[in-house]
Every structure is written in C-alpha cells, then in structure tokens.
C-alpha atoms as a PDB file:
ATOM      1  CA  MET A   1      97.614 178.223  70.619  1.00  0.00           C
ATOM      2  CA  GLU A   2      98.353 178.910  66.955  1.00  0.00           C
ATOM      3  CA  LYS A   3      98.789 182.650  67.572  1.00  0.00           C
ATOM      4  CA  LYS A   4     101.480 181.916  70.146  1.00  0.00           C
ATOM      5  CA  ASP A   5     103.292 179.589  67.738  1.00  0.00           C
ATOM      6  CA  ASN A   6     103.013 182.184  64.976  1.00  0.00           C
ATOM      7  CA  LYS A   7     104.430 184.914  67.236  1.00  0.00           C
ATOM      8  CA  GLU A   8     107.300 182.638  68.201  1.00  0.00           C
ATOM      9  CA  SER A   9     107.974 181.842  64.525  1.00  0.00           C
ATOM     10  CA  MET A  10     107.974 185.554  63.715  1.00  0.00           C
ATOM     11  CA  ARG A  11     110.367 186.268  66.599  1.00  0.00           C
ATOM     12  CA  VAL A  12     112.764 183.507  65.536  1.00  0.00           C
ATOM     13  CA  PHE A  13     112.575 184.658  61.902  1.00  0.00           C
ATOM     14  CA  ASN A  14     113.419 188.235  62.902  1.00  0.00           C
ATOM     15  CA  LEU A  15     116.472 186.995  64.827  1.00  0.00           C
ATOM     16  CA  ARG A  16     117.598 184.928  61.842  1.00  0.00           C
ATOM     17  CA  ARG A  17     117.012 187.848  59.473  1.00  0.00           C
ATOM     18  CA  ASP A  18     119.066 190.176  61.696  1.00  0.00           C
ATOM     19  CA  ARG A  19     121.908 187.637  61.827  1.00  0.00           C
ATOM     20  CA  GLU A  20     121.753 187.272  58.049  1.00  0.00           C
ATOM     21  CA  LEU A  21     121.936 191.042  57.500  1.00  0.00           C
ATOM     22  CA  LEU A  22     124.860 191.294  59.925  1.00  0.00           C
ATOM     23  CA  ALA A  23     126.653 188.467  58.108  1.00  0.00           C
ATOM     24  CA  ILE A  24     126.111 190.232  54.774  1.00  0.00           C
ATOM     25  CA  ALA A  25     127.533 193.497  56.137  1.00  0.00           C
ATOM     26  CA  VAL A  26     130.569 191.827  57.731  1.00  0.00           C
ATOM     27  CA  THR A  27     131.298 189.790  54.609  1.00  0.00           C
ATOM     28  CA  LEU A  28     131.056 192.830  52.331  1.00  0.00           C
ATOM     29  CA  CYS A  29     133.372 194.880  54.548  1.00  0.00           C
ATOM     30  CA  LEU A  30     135.865 192.032  54.734  1.00  0.00           C
ATOM     31  CA  LEU A  31     135.795 191.483  50.973  1.00  0.00           C
ATOM     32  CA  LEU A  32     136.277 195.198  50.310  1.00  0.00           C
ATOM     33  CA  PHE A  33     139.224 195.249  52.714  1.00  0.00           C
ATOM     34  CA  LEU A  34     140.738 192.182  51.052  1.00  0.00           C
ATOM     35  CA  ALA A  35     140.229 193.747  47.607  1.00  0.00           C
ATOM     36  CA  LEU A  36     142.116 196.831  48.795  1.00  0.00           C
ATOM     37  CA  LEU A  37     144.823 194.586  50.219  1.00  0.00           C
ATOM     38  CA  HIS A  38     145.000 192.699  46.912  1.00  0.00           C
ATOM     39  CA  ARG A  39     145.524 195.954  45.059  1.00  0.00           C
ATOM     40  CA  ARG A  40     148.212 197.086  47.529  1.00  0.00           C
ATOM     41  CA  PRO A  41     149.666 193.907  49.113  1.00  0.00           C
ATOM     42  CA  ASP A  42     152.321 195.868  51.041  1.00  0.00           C
ATOM     43  CA  LEU A  43     149.776 198.047  52.864  1.00  0.00           C
ATOM     44  CA  LEU A  44     149.902 196.115  56.176  1.00  0.00           C
ATOM     45  CA  GLY A  45     153.090 194.182  55.615  1.00  0.00           C
ATOM     46  CA  THR A  46     153.853 191.741  52.854  1.00  0.00           C
ATOM     47  CA  PHE A  47     151.129 189.390  51.716  1.00  0.00           C
ATOM     48  CA  SER A  48     151.177 187.308  48.594  1.00  0.00           C
ATOM     49  CA  LYS A  49     148.290 187.860  46.220  1.00  0.00           C
ATOM     50  CA  ASN A  50     147.540 184.126  46.330  1.00  0.00           C
ATOM     51  CA  SER A  51     147.012 184.230  50.084  1.00  0.00           C
ATOM     52  CA  ILE A  52     144.706 187.252  49.735  1.00  0.00           C
ATOM     53  CA  VAL A  53     142.635 185.477  47.072  1.00  0.00           C
ATOM     54  CA  GLY A  54     142.515 182.437  49.345  1.00  0.00           C
ATOM     55  CA  ALA A  55     141.206 184.635  52.187  1.00  0.00           C
ATOM     56  CA  GLN A  56     138.529 186.034  49.862  1.00  0.00           C
ATOM     57  CA  ILE A  57     137.428 182.535  48.877  1.00  0.00           C
ATOM     58  CA  MET A  58     137.369 181.442  52.529  1.00  0.00           C
ATOM     59  CA  SER A  59     135.269 184.496  53.459  1.00  0.00           C
ATOM     60  CA  LEU A  60     132.709 183.769  50.766  1.00  0.00           C
ATOM     61  CA  SER A  61     132.638 180.076  51.683  1.00  0.00           C
ATOM     62  CA  ALA A  62     132.086 180.896  55.349  1.00  0.00           C
ATOM     63  CA  PHE A  63     129.244 183.270  54.477  1.00  0.00           C
ATOM     64  CA  ILE A  64     127.556 180.724  52.217  1.00  0.00           C
ATOM     65  CA  GLY A  65     127.926 178.012  54.852  1.00  0.00           C
ATOM     66  CA  PHE A  66     126.460 180.280  57.525  1.00  0.00           C
ATOM     67  CA  SER A  67     123.534 181.238  55.285  1.00  0.00           C
ATOM     68  CA  VAL A  68     122.723 177.623  54.467  1.00  0.00           C
ATOM     69  CA  PHE A  69     122.284 176.853  58.164  1.00  0.00           C
ATOM     70  CA  ASN A  70     120.817 180.183  59.315  1.00  0.00           C
ATOM     71  CA  TRP A  71     118.357 181.133  56.572  1.00  0.00           C
ATOM     72  CA  ARG A  72     115.661 178.548  57.258  1.00  0.00           C
ATOM     73  CA  CYS A  73     111.982 178.652  58.153  1.00  0.00           C
ATOM     74  CA  PRO A  74     111.467 178.454  61.925  1.00  0.00           C
ATOM     75  CA  SER A  75     108.518 176.075  61.464  1.00  0.00           C
ATOM     76  CA  CYS A  76     109.488 173.574  58.765  1.00  0.00           C
ATOM     77  CA  ASN A  77     113.280 174.195  58.718  1.00  0.00           C
ATOM     78  CA  LYS A  78     113.378 174.463  54.900  1.00  0.00           C
ATOM     79  CA  TYR A  79     115.708 176.915  53.121  1.00  0.00           C
ATOM     80  CA  LEU A  80     113.945 180.250  52.515  1.00  0.00           C
ATOM     81  CA  GLY A  81     115.639 181.180  49.248  1.00  0.00           C
ATOM     82  CA  PRO A  82     117.206 184.451  48.137  1.00  0.00           C
ATOM     83  CA  ASP A  83     114.450 186.853  49.254  1.00  0.00           C
ATOM     84  CA  ILE A  84     115.571 188.634  52.449  1.00  0.00           C
ATOM     85  CA  ASN A  85     112.183 190.376  52.790  1.00  0.00           C
ATOM     86  CA  ARG A  86     110.145 187.190  52.711  1.00  0.00           C
ATOM     87  CA  ARG A  87     106.781 187.383  54.486  1.00  0.00           C
ATOM     88  CA  ILE A  88     105.534 183.790  54.123  1.00  0.00           C
ATOM     89  CA  CYS A  89     107.365 180.477  53.869  1.00  0.00           C
ATOM     90  CA  ASN A  90     106.769 178.990  50.414  1.00  0.00           C
ATOM     91  CA  LYS A  91     107.004 175.434  51.760  1.00  0.00           C
ATOM     92  CA  CYS A  92     104.685 175.429  54.808  1.00  0.00           C
ATOM     93  CA  GLY A  93     102.844 178.768  54.562  1.00  0.00           C
ATOM     94  CA  THR A  94     103.947 180.056  57.982  1.00  0.00           C
ATOM     95  CA  ARG A  95     103.695 183.816  58.347  1.00  0.00           C
ATOM     96  CA  LEU A  96     107.200 185.165  58.992  1.00  0.00           C
ATOM     97  CA  ARG A  97     106.611 188.916  59.301  1.00  0.00           C
END
C-alpha cells in the first residue's frame, strides 16, 4: 500500500514541478517584455511608465502567490522551499522523485 501512495505522491509532485517551471518561464518572458516596453513605452502604443511598473509588480505578485499554493508536498502539504530539484520532503520525509 505504501508503494502505491509513494507513486501517487511522486506523480503529483511531478505535475506540480512542471506547473512551477511553466510559471517561471511565463513570468520571465512577461517581465522581459515589460522591461522592453518600459524602455520604449511607445512601442505598442502609449503606455505610462508607472502603469508598466505596476504590471511588473502584479506579474511578480501573481507568480509568488501561485508558487505559495502550488509548491507544496503532496503528502503533508507543507511548503517545499526554494529547491526546484528536491528529492525528499524535509518535513515528512516523503520521496518526491
């Protein structure tokens, strides 16, 4: 029974890890685009620099909020910390990969 639970935990962790990597990629692309737009605010029309900075802050806030809820252990639901290549949960010891 424990092997089945461990396989399920590993499967859920892999899904969460993939979502986290996708969120990182999307956030980086969006921030790079907004940085380019900040440098040339008339590139796609007229945008104020304050609104572009606000969009950057909102993007980072959305990413952090998503990570807080997504990046958790499938077994104990505790935050996994900054290591994206984690193999074992530090809180409950569940094997993740």
